[in-house]
Amino acid sequence: MAAPISTQFAMAVHVLVLLAQPSERHQTSETLSTSVGSNPVHLRRILGRLRKSGLVASRPGRSGGWVLLHPAEEVTLAEVWAACAGDQILGLHEANPSCEVGHRVHGQLLDLDARAREAIEAELERTTIADLISAAEYATVPR
């Protein structure tokens, strides 16, 4: 069976939607991890990536926690993807340098990986955190 795809992107999106909700106080990683269904330590690693990319900030202390730094309308899923995803989409490995076939295939897969990454980023650029919030709100309205 194949290894599971990383859930860091989906967790990051979930957290950003939570942080975009009106609140009178910062959200703690413990509160956020309960909603996401993850360990607070694991979630803090994801939040660290989001902080490094300039999407969120934290404040230590008793009234501390996490806050979204930009309006939800300005945060695209491509930015979240860039913060969470690695350099490769396909999870490539280095072939044995003495294997001619592996070397040729690796080069072709690198090219395919670059095209796949461009396609994913282009699609994710079209959607913001606010779009997800609007879609979720529409879906919960009784018809």
Protein backbone atom coordinates (compact mmCIF):
# COMPACT_ATOMS: atom_id res chain seq x y z
CA MET A 1 0.00 0.00 0.00
CA ALA A 2 1.23 3.49 -0.82
CA ALA A 3 2.38 5.87 1.89
CA PRO A 4 -0.18 8.53 2.81
CA ILE A 5 0.13 11.99 1.34
CA SER A 6 1.10 14.64 3.88
CA THR A 7 -1.88 16.30 5.52
CA GLN A 8 0.06 19.44 6.44
CA PHE A 9 -1.51 21.52 3.65
CA ALA A 10 -5.07 20.57 4.64
CA MET A 11 -4.32 21.19 8.31
CA ALA A 12 -2.80 24.57 7.50
CA VAL A 13 -5.85 25.57 5.48
CA HIS A 14 -8.13 24.43 8.32
CA VAL A 15 -6.17 26.51 10.83
CA LEU A 16 -6.18 29.60 8.61
CA VAL A 17 -9.95 29.35 8.19
CA LEU A 18 -10.25 29.17 11.98
CA LEU A 19 -7.94 32.15 12.45
CA ALA A 20 -9.93 34.15 9.90
CA GLN A 21 -13.05 33.89 12.06
CA PRO A 22 -13.83 36.94 14.20
CA SER A 23 -12.41 36.48 17.69
CA GLU A 24 -11.66 38.75 20.61
CA ARG A 25 -8.54 36.81 21.53
CA HIS A 26 -5.66 34.95 19.94
CA GLN A 27 -6.18 31.23 19.31
CA THR A 28 -3.88 28.86 21.19
CA SER A 29 -2.24 25.93 19.46
CA GLU A 30 -4.07 23.64 21.89
CA THR A 31 -7.46 25.04 20.84
CA LEU A 32 -6.54 24.90 17.16
CA SER A 33 -5.19 21.35 17.42
CA THR A 34 -8.45 20.18 19.00
CA SER A 35 -10.40 21.48 16.01
CA VAL A 36 -7.92 20.06 13.52
CA GLY A 37 -7.74 16.73 15.34
CA SER A 38 -3.99 16.74 15.71
CA ASN A 39 -1.32 16.82 18.35
CA PRO A 40 -0.50 20.43 19.43
CA VAL A 41 3.22 19.82 18.87
CA HIS A 42 2.62 18.66 15.28
CA LEU A 43 0.31 21.60 14.66
CA ARG A 44 2.92 24.03 16.04
CA ARG A 45 5.36 22.75 13.41
CA ILE A 46 2.83 23.61 10.71
CA LEU A 47 2.12 26.99 12.33
CA GLY A 48 5.88 27.59 12.36
CA ARG A 49 5.97 27.15 8.58
CA LEU A 50 3.03 29.53 8.21
CA ARG A 51 4.78 32.05 10.46
CA LYS A 52 8.00 31.77 8.47
CA SER A 53 6.04 32.51 5.29
CA GLY A 54 4.46 35.59 6.89
CA LEU A 55 0.89 34.30 7.03
CA VAL A 56 0.48 34.10 10.83
CA ALA A 57 2.09 35.45 13.97
CA SER A 58 2.14 34.27 17.55
CA ARG A 59 2.21 36.04 20.84
CA PRO A 60 3.57 34.26 23.92
CA GLY A 61 2.09 34.43 27.35
CA ARG A 62 -1.18 33.96 29.12
CA SER A 63 -3.24 35.93 26.60
CA GLY A 64 -1.08 34.76 23.70
CA GLY A 65 -1.80 32.57 20.75
CA TRP A 66 -1.96 32.73 16.98
CA VAL A 67 -3.38 35.35 14.64
CA LEU A 68 -3.79 35.64 10.87
CA LEU A 69 -1.68 38.53 9.56
CA HIS A 70 -3.64 39.28 6.38
CA PRO A 71 -7.32 39.49 5.46
CA ALA A 72 -8.67 36.11 4.37
CA GLU A 73 -9.43 37.61 0.93
CA GLU A 74 -5.70 38.13 0.37
CA VAL A 75 -4.42 34.69 1.39
CA THR A 76 -4.39 32.26 -1.52
CA LEU A 77 -4.15 28.51 -1.20
CA ALA A 78 -1.01 28.75 -3.36
CA GLU A 79 0.67 30.68 -0.53
CA VAL A 80 -0.37 28.00 1.94
CA TRP A 81 0.88 25.29 -0.41
CA ALA A 82 4.23 27.04 -0.76
CA ALA A 83 4.56 27.23 3.03
CA CYS A 84 3.73 23.55 3.59
CA ALA A 85 4.79 21.57 0.54
CA GLY A 86 8.29 20.44 -0.18
CA ASP A 87 10.13 21.16 -3.38
CA GLN A 88 8.78 18.07 -5.12
CA ILE A 89 5.25 16.91 -5.81
CA LEU A 90 6.13 13.36 -6.85
CA GLY A 91 8.52 12.46 -4.03
CA LEU A 92 11.44 11.59 -6.29
CA HIS A 93 14.53 9.73 -5.21
CA GLU A 94 18.07 9.82 -6.51
CA ALA A 95 18.84 6.89 -8.76
CA ASN A 96 22.08 4.97 -8.55
CA PRO A 97 24.57 7.13 -10.50
CA SER A 98 25.84 4.09 -12.40
CA CYS A 99 22.32 3.17 -13.62
CA GLU A 100 21.82 4.75 -17.03
CA VAL A 101 18.08 3.99 -17.09
CA GLY A 102 17.53 5.44 -13.63
CA HIS A 103 19.46 8.57 -14.56
CA ARG A 104 17.35 9.15 -17.71
CA VAL A 105 14.07 8.41 -15.96
CA HIS A 106 14.99 10.68 -13.07
CA GLY A 107 15.55 13.60 -15.44
CA GLN A 108 12.19 13.00 -17.10
CA LEU A 109 10.46 12.75 -13.73
CA LEU A 110 12.06 16.01 -12.59
CA ASP A 111 10.56 17.73 -15.64
CA LEU A 112 7.16 16.14 -14.99
CA ASP A 113 7.36 17.16 -11.33
CA ALA A 114 8.04 20.79 -12.29
CA ARG A 115 5.03 20.84 -14.63
CA ALA A 116 2.80 19.24 -12.00
CA ARG A 117 3.92 21.78 -9.39
CA GLU A 118 3.18 24.66 -11.79
CA ALA A 119 -0.31 23.27 -12.50
CA ILE A 120 -1.10 22.79 -8.81
CA GLU A 121 0.14 26.26 -7.90
CA ALA A 122 -1.85 27.85 -10.75
CA GLU A 123 -5.04 26.14 -9.59
CA LEU A 124 -4.47 27.00 -5.92
CA GLU A 125 -3.79 30.65 -6.81
CA ARG A 126 -7.45 30.94 -7.82
CA THR A 127 -8.82 30.23 -4.34
CA THR A 128 -8.47 32.26 -1.15
CA ILE A 129 -9.19 31.43 2.47
CA ALA A 130 -12.22 33.76 2.17
CA ASP A 131 -13.52 31.69 -0.76
CA LEU A 132 -13.47 28.59 1.41
CA ILE A 133 -15.25 30.38 4.23
CA SER A 134 -17.94 31.64 1.84
CA ALA A 135 -18.43 28.20 0.32
CA ALA A 136 -18.72 26.60 3.76
CA GLU A 137 -21.23 29.22 4.91
CA TYR A 138 -23.31 28.72 1.77
CA ALA A 139 -23.28 24.97 2.25
CA THR A 140 -24.69 25.28 5.79
CA VAL A 141 -27.59 27.57 4.83
CA PRO A 142 -30.89 25.59 4.92
CA ARG A 143 -32.61 25.36 1.56
